[in-house]
Amino acid sequence: MIAHPGVMAIPKAGSTEHVKQNAAALEIALSANELALMDNAWPAPKGKTALDMV
């Protein structure tokens, strides 16, 4: 997840509206429990690997 050091998200923006939606996502605040649930659902890879698009 992008909350981890050294990890960066590269969002796709196919339109101006999509850029605005991506920027608005910065306003979302997730609880520690929500972050843990997502970390468990989508664990980081153990080594270098191609990642699936989700």
PDB file of N, CA and C in Angstrom:
ATOM      1  N   MET A   1       0.833  -1.178   0.000  1.00  0.00           N
ATOM      2  CA  MET A   1       0.000   0.000   0.000  1.00  0.00           C
ATOM      3  C   MET A   1       0.878   1.240   0.000  1.00  0.00           C
ATOM      4  N   ILE A   2       0.316   2.340  -0.444  1.00  0.00           N
ATOM      5  CA  ILE A   2       1.115   3.555  -0.550  1.00  0.00           C
ATOM      6  C   ILE A   2       1.492   4.147   0.792  1.00  0.00           C
ATOM      7  N   ALA A   3       0.938   3.623   1.871  1.00  0.00           N
ATOM      8  CA  ALA A   3       1.305   4.113   3.201  1.00  0.00           C
ATOM      9  C   ALA A   3       2.653   3.556   3.649  1.00  0.00           C
ATOM     10  N   HIS A   4       3.180   2.595   2.915  1.00  0.00           N
ATOM     11  CA  HIS A   4       4.448   1.982   3.282  1.00  0.00           C
ATOM     12  C   HIS A   4       5.614   2.746   2.652  1.00  0.00           C
ATOM     13  N   PRO A   5       6.718   2.890   3.367  1.00  0.00           N
ATOM     14  CA  PRO A   5       7.882   3.590   2.815  1.00  0.00           C
ATOM     15  C   PRO A   5       8.375   2.913   1.539  1.00  0.00           C
ATOM     16  N   GLY A   6       8.747   3.694   0.559  1.00  0.00           N
ATOM     17  CA  GLY A   6       9.295   3.164  -0.678  1.00  0.00           C
ATOM     18  C   GLY A   6       8.259   2.633  -1.647  1.00  0.00           C
ATOM     19  N   VAL A   7       6.977   2.829  -1.367  1.00  0.00           N
ATOM     20  CA  VAL A   7       5.910   2.346  -2.247  1.00  0.00           C
ATOM     21  C   VAL A   7       5.185   3.552  -2.823  1.00  0.00           C
ATOM     22  N   MET A   8       4.969   3.533  -4.135  1.00  0.00           N
ATOM     23  CA  MET A   8       4.302   4.652  -4.788  1.00  0.00           C
ATOM     24  C   MET A   8       3.207   4.127  -5.704  1.00  0.00           C
ATOM     25  N   ALA A   9       2.041   4.745  -5.648  1.00  0.00           N
ATOM     26  CA  ALA A   9       0.946   4.393  -6.547  1.00  0.00           C
ATOM     27  C   ALA A   9       1.068   5.220  -7.823  1.00  0.00           C
ATOM     28  N   ILE A  10       0.765   4.591  -8.950  1.00  0.00           N
ATOM     29  CA  ILE A  10       0.743   5.294 -10.225  1.00  0.00           C
ATOM     30  C   ILE A  10      -0.675   5.156 -10.772  1.00  0.00           C
ATOM     31  N   PRO A  11      -1.558   6.102 -10.431  1.00  0.00           N
ATOM     32  CA  PRO A  11      -2.944   5.988 -10.877  1.00  0.00           C
ATOM     33  C   PRO A  11      -3.086   6.315 -12.356  1.00  0.00           C
ATOM     34  N   LYS A  12      -4.023   5.643 -12.992  1.00  0.00           N
ATOM     35  CA  LYS A  12      -4.324   5.929 -14.389  1.00  0.00           C
ATOM     36  C   LYS A  12      -5.316   7.084 -14.426  1.00  0.00           C
ATOM     37  N   ALA A  13      -5.096   8.020 -15.308  1.00  0.00           N
ATOM     38  CA  ALA A  13      -6.017   9.139 -15.478  1.00  0.00           C
ATOM     39  C   ALA A  13      -6.272   9.325 -16.968  1.00  0.00           C
ATOM     40  N   GLY A  14      -7.419   8.857 -17.414  1.00  0.00           N
ATOM     41  CA  GLY A  14      -7.755   8.942 -18.834  1.00  0.00           C
ATOM     42  C   GLY A  14      -8.543  10.184 -19.198  1.00  0.00           C
ATOM     43  N   SER A  15      -8.880  10.998 -18.200  1.00  0.00           N
ATOM     44  CA  SER A  15      -9.651  12.214 -18.457  1.00  0.00           C
ATOM     45  C   SER A  15      -9.394  13.216 -17.332  1.00  0.00           C
ATOM     46  N   THR A  16      -9.798  14.453 -17.573  1.00  0.00           N
ATOM     47  CA  THR A  16      -9.670  15.479 -16.538  1.00  0.00           C
ATOM     48  C   THR A  16     -10.476  15.093 -15.309  1.00  0.00           C
ATOM     49  N   GLU A  17     -11.664  14.549 -15.517  1.00  0.00           N
ATOM     50  CA  GLU A  17     -12.511  14.130 -14.396  1.00  0.00           C
ATOM     51  C   GLU A  17     -11.812  13.050 -13.572  1.00  0.00           C
ATOM     52  N   HIS A  18     -11.129  12.130 -14.232  1.00  0.00           N
ATOM     53  CA  HIS A  18     -10.423  11.063 -13.524  1.00  0.00           C
ATOM     54  C   HIS A  18      -9.269  11.638 -12.697  1.00  0.00           C
ATOM     55  N   VAL A  19      -8.581  12.652 -13.218  1.00  0.00           N
ATOM     56  CA  VAL A  19      -7.519  13.321 -12.461  1.00  0.00           C
ATOM     57  C   VAL A  19      -8.104  13.935 -11.193  1.00  0.00           C
ATOM     58  N   LYS A  20      -9.271  14.579 -11.323  1.00  0.00           N
ATOM     59  CA  LYS A  20      -9.933  15.185 -10.163  1.00  0.00           C
ATOM     60  C   LYS A  20     -10.326  14.119  -9.141  1.00  0.00           C
ATOM     61  N   GLN A  21     -10.817  12.976  -9.616  1.00  0.00           N
ATOM     62  CA  GLN A  21     -11.185  11.883  -8.706  1.00  0.00           C
ATOM     63  C   GLN A  21      -9.954  11.355  -7.978  1.00  0.00           C
ATOM     64  N   ASN A  22      -8.849  11.195  -8.704  1.00  0.00           N
ATOM     65  CA  ASN A  22      -7.611  10.722  -8.075  1.00  0.00           C
ATOM     66  C   ASN A  22      -7.145  11.705  -7.003  1.00  0.00           C
ATOM     67  N   ALA A  23      -7.216  13.004  -7.290  1.00  0.00           N
ATOM     68  CA  ALA A  23      -6.803  14.017  -6.321  1.00  0.00           C
ATOM     69  C   ALA A  23      -7.718  14.000  -5.102  1.00  0.00           C
ATOM     70  N   ALA A  24      -9.016  13.797  -5.310  1.00  0.00           N
ATOM     71  CA  ALA A  24      -9.971  13.758  -4.198  1.00  0.00           C
ATOM     72  C   ALA A  24      -9.704  12.572  -3.278  1.00  0.00           C
ATOM     73  N   ALA A  25      -9.112  11.514  -3.811  1.00  0.00           N
ATOM     74  CA  ALA A  25      -8.816  10.332  -2.998  1.00  0.00           C
ATOM     75  C   ALA A  25      -7.824  10.647  -1.882  1.00  0.00           C
ATOM     76  N   LEU A  26      -7.066  11.725  -2.025  1.00  0.00           N
ATOM     77  CA  LEU A  26      -6.121  12.118  -0.974  1.00  0.00           C
ATOM     78  C   LEU A  26      -6.833  12.534   0.306  1.00  0.00           C
ATOM     79  N   GLU A  27      -8.113  12.853   0.199  1.00  0.00           N
ATOM     80  CA  GLU A  27      -8.895  13.292   1.356  1.00  0.00           C
ATOM     81  C   GLU A  27      -9.437  12.117   2.174  1.00  0.00           C
ATOM     82  N   ILE A  28      -9.307  10.906   1.662  1.00  0.00           N
ATOM     83  CA  ILE A  28      -9.828   9.723   2.353  1.00  0.00           C
ATOM     84  C   ILE A  28      -8.903   9.367   3.510  1.00  0.00           C
ATOM     85  N   ALA A  29      -9.477   9.200   4.685  1.00  0.00           N
ATOM     86  CA  ALA A  29      -8.710   8.778   5.864  1.00  0.00           C
ATOM     87  C   ALA A  29      -9.190   7.388   6.279  1.00  0.00           C
ATOM     88  N   LEU A  30      -8.283   6.440   6.317  1.00  0.00           N
ATOM     89  CA  LEU A  30      -8.611   5.069   6.704  1.00  0.00           C
ATOM     90  C   LEU A  30      -8.115   4.802   8.118  1.00  0.00           C
ATOM     91  N   SER A  31      -8.898   4.034   8.855  1.00  0.00           N
ATOM     92  CA  SER A  31      -8.505   3.678  10.222  1.00  0.00           C
ATOM     93  C   SER A  31      -7.397   2.625  10.174  1.00  0.00           C
ATOM     94  N   ALA A  32      -6.734   2.430  11.288  1.00  0.00           N
ATOM     95  CA  ALA A  32      -5.696   1.398  11.382  1.00  0.00           C
ATOM     96  C   ALA A  32      -6.286   0.029  11.083  1.00  0.00           C
ATOM     97  N   ASN A  33      -7.514  -0.222  11.534  1.00  0.00           N
ATOM     98  CA  ASN A  33      -8.171  -1.501  11.274  1.00  0.00           C
ATOM     99  C   ASN A  33      -8.442  -1.680   9.779  1.00  0.00           C
ATOM    100  N   GLU A  34      -8.909  -0.635   9.106  1.00  0.00           N
ATOM    101  CA  GLU A  34      -9.165  -0.721   7.666  1.00  0.00           C
ATOM    102  C   GLU A  34      -7.873  -0.983   6.898  1.00  0.00           C
ATOM    103  N   LEU A  35      -6.794  -0.310   7.288  1.00  0.00           N
ATOM    104  CA  LEU A  35      -5.503  -0.531   6.637  1.00  0.00           C
ATOM    105  C   LEU A  35      -5.015  -1.959   6.853  1.00  0.00           C
ATOM    106  N   ALA A  36      -5.194  -2.490   8.061  1.00  0.00           N
ATOM    107  CA  ALA A  36      -4.785  -3.866   8.357  1.00  0.00           C
ATOM    108  C   ALA A  36      -5.598  -4.854   7.534  1.00  0.00           C
ATOM    109  N   LEU A  37      -6.896  -4.608   7.393  1.00  0.00           N
ATOM    110  CA  LEU A  37      -7.741  -5.487   6.578  1.00  0.00           C
ATOM    111  C   LEU A  37      -7.260  -5.515   5.130  1.00  0.00           C
ATOM    112  N   MET A  38      -6.899  -4.360   4.592  1.00  0.00           N
ATOM    113  CA  MET A  38      -6.411  -4.316   3.209  1.00  0.00           C
ATOM    114  C   MET A  38      -5.035  -4.957   3.090  1.00  0.00           C
ATOM    115  N   ASP A  39      -4.162  -4.752   4.073  1.00  0.00           N
ATOM    116  CA  ASP A  39      -2.848  -5.403   4.049  1.00  0.00           C
ATOM    117  C   ASP A  39      -2.993  -6.920   4.051  1.00  0.00           C
ATOM    118  N   ASN A  40      -3.970  -7.429   4.806  1.00  0.00           N
ATOM    119  CA  ASN A  40      -4.201  -8.874   4.848  1.00  0.00           C
ATOM    120  C   ASN A  40      -4.822  -9.379   3.557  1.00  0.00           C
ATOM    121  N   ALA A  41      -5.698  -8.594   2.948  1.00  0.00           N
ATOM    122  CA  ALA A  41      -6.358  -9.004   1.706  1.00  0.00           C
ATOM    123  C   ALA A  41      -5.397  -8.977   0.523  1.00  0.00           C
ATOM    124  N   TRP A  42      -4.491  -8.001   0.501  1.00  0.00           N
ATOM    125  CA  TRP A  42      -3.540  -7.845  -0.597  1.00  0.00           C
ATOM    126  C   TRP A  42      -2.140  -7.696  -0.034  1.00  0.00           C
ATOM    127  N   PRO A  43      -1.520  -8.798   0.411  1.00  0.00           N
ATOM    128  CA  PRO A  43      -0.180  -8.703   1.004  1.00  0.00           C
ATOM    129  C   PRO A  43       0.867  -8.291  -0.038  1.00  0.00           C
ATOM    130  N   ALA A  44       1.898  -7.637   0.441  1.00  0.00           N
ATOM    131  CA  ALA A  44       2.997  -7.234  -0.437  1.00  0.00           C
ATOM    132  C   ALA A  44       3.735  -8.479  -0.921  1.00  0.00           C
ATOM    133  N   PRO A  45       4.272  -8.453  -2.140  1.00  0.00           N
ATOM    134  CA  PRO A  45       5.031  -9.601  -2.635  1.00  0.00           C
ATOM    135  C   PRO A  45       6.302  -9.799  -1.814  1.00  0.00           C
ATOM    136  N   LYS A  46       6.781 -11.032  -1.762  1.00  0.00           N
ATOM    137  CA  LYS A  46       7.987 -11.363  -0.994  1.00  0.00           C
ATOM    138  C   LYS A  46       9.259 -10.943  -1.723  1.00  0.00           C
ATOM    139  N   GLY A  47       9.179 -10.801  -3.025  1.00  0.00           N
ATOM    140  CA  GLY A  47      10.341 -10.409  -3.812  1.00  0.00           C
ATOM    141  C   GLY A  47       9.884  -9.730  -5.082  1.00  0.00           C
ATOM    142  N   LYS A  48      10.802  -9.513  -6.000  1.00  0.00           N
ATOM    143  CA  LYS A  48      10.453  -8.867  -7.257  1.00  0.00           C
ATOM    144  C   LYS A  48       9.517  -9.768  -8.050  1.00  0.00           C
ATOM    145  N   THR A  49       8.413  -9.187  -8.486  1.00  0.00           N
ATOM    146  CA  THR A  49       7.440  -9.937  -9.270  1.00  0.00           C
ATOM    147  C   THR A  49       6.556  -8.965 -10.034  1.00  0.00           C
ATOM    148  N   ALA A  50       6.040  -9.399 -11.159  1.00  0.00           N
ATOM    149  CA  ALA A  50       5.071  -8.580 -11.889  1.00  0.00           C
ATOM    150  C   ALA A  50       3.761  -8.622 -11.115  1.00  0.00           C
ATOM    151  N   LEU A  51       3.149  -7.475 -10.915  1.00  0.00           N
ATOM    152  CA  LEU A  51       1.914  -7.412 -10.145  1.00  0.00           C
ATOM    153  C   LEU A  51       0.700  -7.426 -11.062  1.00  0.00           C
ATOM    154  N   ASP A  52      -0.353  -8.108 -10.630  1.00  0.00           N
ATOM    155  CA  ASP A  52      -1.607  -8.128 -11.369  1.00  0.00           C
ATOM    156  C   ASP A  52      -2.292  -6.779 -11.243  1.00  0.00           C
ATOM    157  N   MET A  53      -3.025  -6.397 -12.276  1.00  0.00           N
ATOM    158  CA  MET A  53      -3.850  -5.193 -12.206  1.00  0.00           C
ATOM    159  C   MET A  53      -5.100  -5.550 -11.421  1.00  0.00           C
ATOM    160  N   VAL A  54      -5.481  -4.712 -10.464  1.00  0.00           N
ATOM    161  CA  VAL A  54      -6.658  -4.976  -9.635  1.00  0.00           C
ATOM    162  C   VAL A  54      -7.744  -4.005  -9.996  1.00  0.00           C
TER     163      VAL A  54
END
